[in-house]
């Protein structure tokens, strides 16, 4: 439960990092790296859980949304680094791809935490 709480906060920080990348057209990370779900601490933890945990619907939902989160974050970063600020901001705004996936992931993680 503590790990899930921690990782909800960590993923929320991505919004700030992506906004900075949009504003500056710079980032220390590459979109190709951000797209990988198993490179972040949460992804590594999630994929290391025992098979019985991985068989639960909550885990499967979180894993799917976590992978989508990384893909949409990578897309926003790619747009930002290519100077496509308006498109990147649209993905981040309410109703945008990143905003939807990020919100859905947070809800799924919170629901998973409550079920434990």
C-alpha atoms as a PDB file:
ATOM      1  CA  UNK A   1       0.000   0.000   0.000  1.00  0.00           C
ATOM      2  CA  UNK A   2       2.809   2.419   0.901  1.00  0.00           C
ATOM      3  CA  UNK A   3       4.572   1.730  -2.391  1.00  0.00           C
ATOM      4  CA  UNK A   4       1.425   2.422  -4.396  1.00  0.00           C
ATOM      5  CA  UNK A   5       0.911   5.708  -2.530  1.00  0.00           C
ATOM      6  CA  UNK A   6       4.515   6.673  -3.219  1.00  0.00           C
ATOM      7  CA  UNK A   7       4.239   5.811  -6.902  1.00  0.00           C
ATOM      8  CA  UNK A   8       1.014   7.786  -7.335  1.00  0.00           C
ATOM      9  CA  UNK A   9       2.969  10.848  -6.200  1.00  0.00           C
ATOM     10  CA  UNK A  10       5.953  10.012  -8.411  1.00  0.00           C
ATOM     11  CA  UNK A  11       3.783   9.728 -11.503  1.00  0.00           C
ATOM     12  CA  UNK A  12       2.065  13.014 -10.627  1.00  0.00           C
ATOM     13  CA  UNK A  13       5.497  14.677 -10.814  1.00  0.00           C
ATOM     14  CA  UNK A  14       5.616  13.707 -14.479  1.00  0.00           C
ATOM     15  CA  UNK A  15       3.100  16.450 -15.219  1.00  0.00           C
ATOM     16  CA  UNK A  16       5.533  19.029 -13.911  1.00  0.00           C
ATOM     17  CA  UNK A  17       8.489  17.517 -15.766  1.00  0.00           C
ATOM     18  CA  UNK A  18       6.552  17.383 -19.022  1.00  0.00           C
ATOM     19  CA  UNK A  19       5.302  20.948 -18.591  1.00  0.00           C
ATOM     20  CA  UNK A  20       8.900  22.096 -18.108  1.00  0.00           C
ATOM     21  CA  UNK A  21       9.934  20.203 -21.250  1.00  0.00           C
ATOM     22  CA  UNK A  22       7.094  21.835 -23.192  1.00  0.00           C
ATOM     23  CA  UNK A  23       8.039  25.312 -21.955  1.00  0.00           C
ATOM     24  CA  UNK A  24      11.767  24.894 -22.632  1.00  0.00           C
ATOM     25  CA  UNK A  25      11.790  22.384 -25.510  1.00  0.00           C
ATOM     26  CA  UNK A  26      14.471  20.555 -23.489  1.00  0.00           C
ATOM     27  CA  UNK A  27      14.683  17.478 -21.290  1.00  0.00           C
ATOM     28  CA  UNK A  28      17.317  15.296 -19.705  1.00  0.00           C
ATOM     29  CA  UNK A  29      15.371  12.282 -20.947  1.00  0.00           C
ATOM     30  CA  UNK A  30      14.699  10.908 -24.387  1.00  0.00           C
ATOM     31  CA  UNK A  31      11.194  10.045 -25.549  1.00  0.00           C
ATOM     32  CA  UNK A  32      12.326   6.533 -26.489  1.00  0.00           C
ATOM     33  CA  UNK A  33      13.435   5.903 -22.903  1.00  0.00           C
ATOM     34  CA  UNK A  34      10.309   7.417 -21.365  1.00  0.00           C
ATOM     35  CA  UNK A  35       8.150   5.107 -23.507  1.00  0.00           C
ATOM     36  CA  UNK A  36       9.499   2.032 -21.703  1.00  0.00           C
ATOM     37  CA  UNK A  37       7.211   0.918 -18.875  1.00  0.00           C
ATOM     38  CA  UNK A  38       9.874  -1.222 -17.210  1.00  0.00           C
ATOM     39  CA  UNK A  39      12.535   1.474 -16.837  1.00  0.00           C
ATOM     40  CA  UNK A  40      10.909   3.406 -13.996  1.00  0.00           C
ATOM     41  CA  UNK A  41      10.975   2.263 -10.381  1.00  0.00           C
ATOM     42  CA  UNK A  42       7.221   1.598 -10.338  1.00  0.00           C
ATOM     43  CA  UNK A  43       7.346  -0.472 -13.525  1.00  0.00           C
ATOM     44  CA  UNK A  44      10.178  -2.572 -12.165  1.00  0.00           C
ATOM     45  CA  UNK A  45       8.333  -3.113  -8.888  1.00  0.00           C
ATOM     46  CA  UNK A  46       5.051  -3.867 -10.667  1.00  0.00           C
ATOM     47  CA  UNK A  47       6.642  -6.456 -12.953  1.00  0.00           C
ATOM     48  CA  UNK A  48       8.518  -8.077 -10.054  1.00  0.00           C
ATOM     49  CA  UNK A  49       5.394  -8.880  -8.042  1.00  0.00           C
ATOM     50  CA  UNK A  50       4.554 -12.571  -7.565  1.00  0.00           C
ATOM     51  CA  UNK A  51       2.521 -14.314 -10.269  1.00  0.00           C
ATOM     52  CA  UNK A  52      -0.538 -14.565  -8.017  1.00  0.00           C
ATOM     53  CA  UNK A  53      -0.579 -10.746  -7.691  1.00  0.00           C
ATOM     54  CA  UNK A  54      -0.089 -10.380 -11.431  1.00  0.00           C
ATOM     55  CA  UNK A  55      -3.133 -12.572 -12.024  1.00  0.00           C
ATOM     56  CA  UNK A  56      -5.496 -10.107 -10.334  1.00  0.00           C
ATOM     57  CA  UNK A  57      -7.715  -7.797 -12.397  1.00  0.00           C
ATOM     58  CA  UNK A  58      -6.403  -4.783 -10.446  1.00  0.00           C
ATOM     59  CA  UNK A  59      -2.781  -5.554 -11.303  1.00  0.00           C
ATOM     60  CA  UNK A  60      -3.633  -6.155 -14.952  1.00  0.00           C
ATOM     61  CA  UNK A  61      -5.550  -2.877 -15.205  1.00  0.00           C
ATOM     62  CA  UNK A  62      -2.749  -0.915 -13.541  1.00  0.00           C
ATOM     63  CA  UNK A  63      -0.135  -2.539 -15.756  1.00  0.00           C
ATOM     64  CA  UNK A  64      -2.065  -1.723 -18.938  1.00  0.00           C
ATOM     65  CA  UNK A  65      -2.639   1.873 -17.877  1.00  0.00           C
ATOM     66  CA  UNK A  66       0.967   2.230 -16.709  1.00  0.00           C
ATOM     67  CA  UNK A  67       2.212   1.154 -20.143  1.00  0.00           C
ATOM     68  CA  UNK A  68      -0.193   3.629 -21.777  1.00  0.00           C
ATOM     69  CA  UNK A  69       0.998   6.336 -19.378  1.00  0.00           C
ATOM     70  CA  UNK A  70       4.567   5.850 -20.563  1.00  0.00           C
ATOM     71  CA  UNK A  71       3.578   5.881 -24.233  1.00  0.00           C
ATOM     72  CA  UNK A  72       1.531   9.061 -23.898  1.00  0.00           C
ATOM     73  CA  UNK A  73       4.215  10.742 -21.770  1.00  0.00           C
ATOM     74  CA  UNK A  74       6.780   9.855 -24.428  1.00  0.00           C
ATOM     75  CA  UNK A  75       4.535  11.325 -27.103  1.00  0.00           C
ATOM     76  CA  UNK A  76       4.169  14.590 -25.157  1.00  0.00           C
ATOM     77  CA  UNK A  77       7.933  14.709 -24.653  1.00  0.00           C
ATOM     78  CA  UNK A  78       8.561  14.061 -28.333  1.00  0.00           C
ATOM     79  CA  UNK A  79       6.191  16.884 -29.299  1.00  0.00           C
ATOM     80  CA  UNK A  80       7.832  19.187 -26.744  1.00  0.00           C
ATOM     81  CA  UNK A  81      11.362  18.448 -27.931  1.00  0.00           C
ATOM     82  CA  UNK A  82      10.283  19.065 -31.524  1.00  0.00           C
ATOM     83  CA  UNK A  83       8.900  22.486 -30.600  1.00  0.00           C
ATOM     84  CA  UNK A  84       5.280  21.436 -31.087  1.00  0.00           C
ATOM     85  CA  UNK A  85       4.217  23.227 -27.923  1.00  0.00           C
ATOM     86  CA  UNK A  86       0.508  23.630 -28.770  1.00  0.00           C
ATOM     87  CA  UNK A  87       0.064  19.927 -29.530  1.00  0.00           C
ATOM     88  CA  UNK A  88       1.969  18.906 -26.408  1.00  0.00           C
ATOM     89  CA  UNK A  89      -0.109  21.241 -24.253  1.00  0.00           C
ATOM     90  CA  UNK A  90      -3.297  19.849 -25.820  1.00  0.00           C
ATOM     91  CA  UNK A  91      -2.261  16.314 -24.790  1.00  0.00           C
ATOM     92  CA  UNK A  92      -1.645  17.580 -21.256  1.00  0.00           C
ATOM     93  CA  UNK A  93      -4.893  19.564 -21.010  1.00  0.00           C
ATOM     94  CA  UNK A  94      -8.198  18.217 -19.731  1.00  0.00           C
ATOM     95  CA  UNK A  95      -9.493  15.746 -22.302  1.00  0.00           C
ATOM     96  CA  UNK A  96      -6.056  15.242 -23.875  1.00  0.00           C
ATOM     97  CA  UNK A  97      -4.534  11.798 -24.263  1.00  0.00           C
ATOM     98  CA  UNK A  98      -1.955  12.183 -21.504  1.00  0.00           C
ATOM     99  CA  UNK A  99      -4.439  13.795 -19.121  1.00  0.00           C
ATOM    100  CA  UNK A 100      -6.952  10.973 -19.593  1.00  0.00           C
ATOM    101  CA  UNK A 101      -4.436   8.152 -19.191  1.00  0.00           C
ATOM    102  CA  UNK A 102      -2.789   9.834 -16.208  1.00  0.00           C
ATOM    103  CA  UNK A 103      -6.128  10.296 -14.445  1.00  0.00           C
ATOM    104  CA  UNK A 104      -7.209   6.733 -15.221  1.00  0.00           C
ATOM    105  CA  UNK A 105      -3.919   5.365 -13.897  1.00  0.00           C
ATOM    106  CA  UNK A 106      -4.232   7.342 -10.678  1.00  0.00           C
ATOM    107  CA  UNK A 107      -7.781   6.089 -10.152  1.00  0.00           C
ATOM    108  CA  UNK A 108      -6.788   2.477 -10.892  1.00  0.00           C
ATOM    109  CA  UNK A 109      -3.838   2.668  -8.497  1.00  0.00           C
ATOM    110  CA  UNK A 110      -6.046   4.166  -5.780  1.00  0.00           C
ATOM    111  CA  UNK A 111      -8.677   1.464  -6.275  1.00  0.00           C
ATOM    112  CA  UNK A 112      -5.988  -1.224  -6.168  1.00  0.00           C
ATOM    113  CA  UNK A 113      -4.621   0.252  -2.947  1.00  0.00           C
ATOM    114  CA  UNK A 114      -8.104   0.226  -1.354  1.00  0.00           C
ATOM    115  CA  UNK A 115      -8.575  -3.424  -2.307  1.00  0.00           C
ATOM    116  CA  UNK A 116      -5.431  -4.515  -0.459  1.00  0.00           C
END
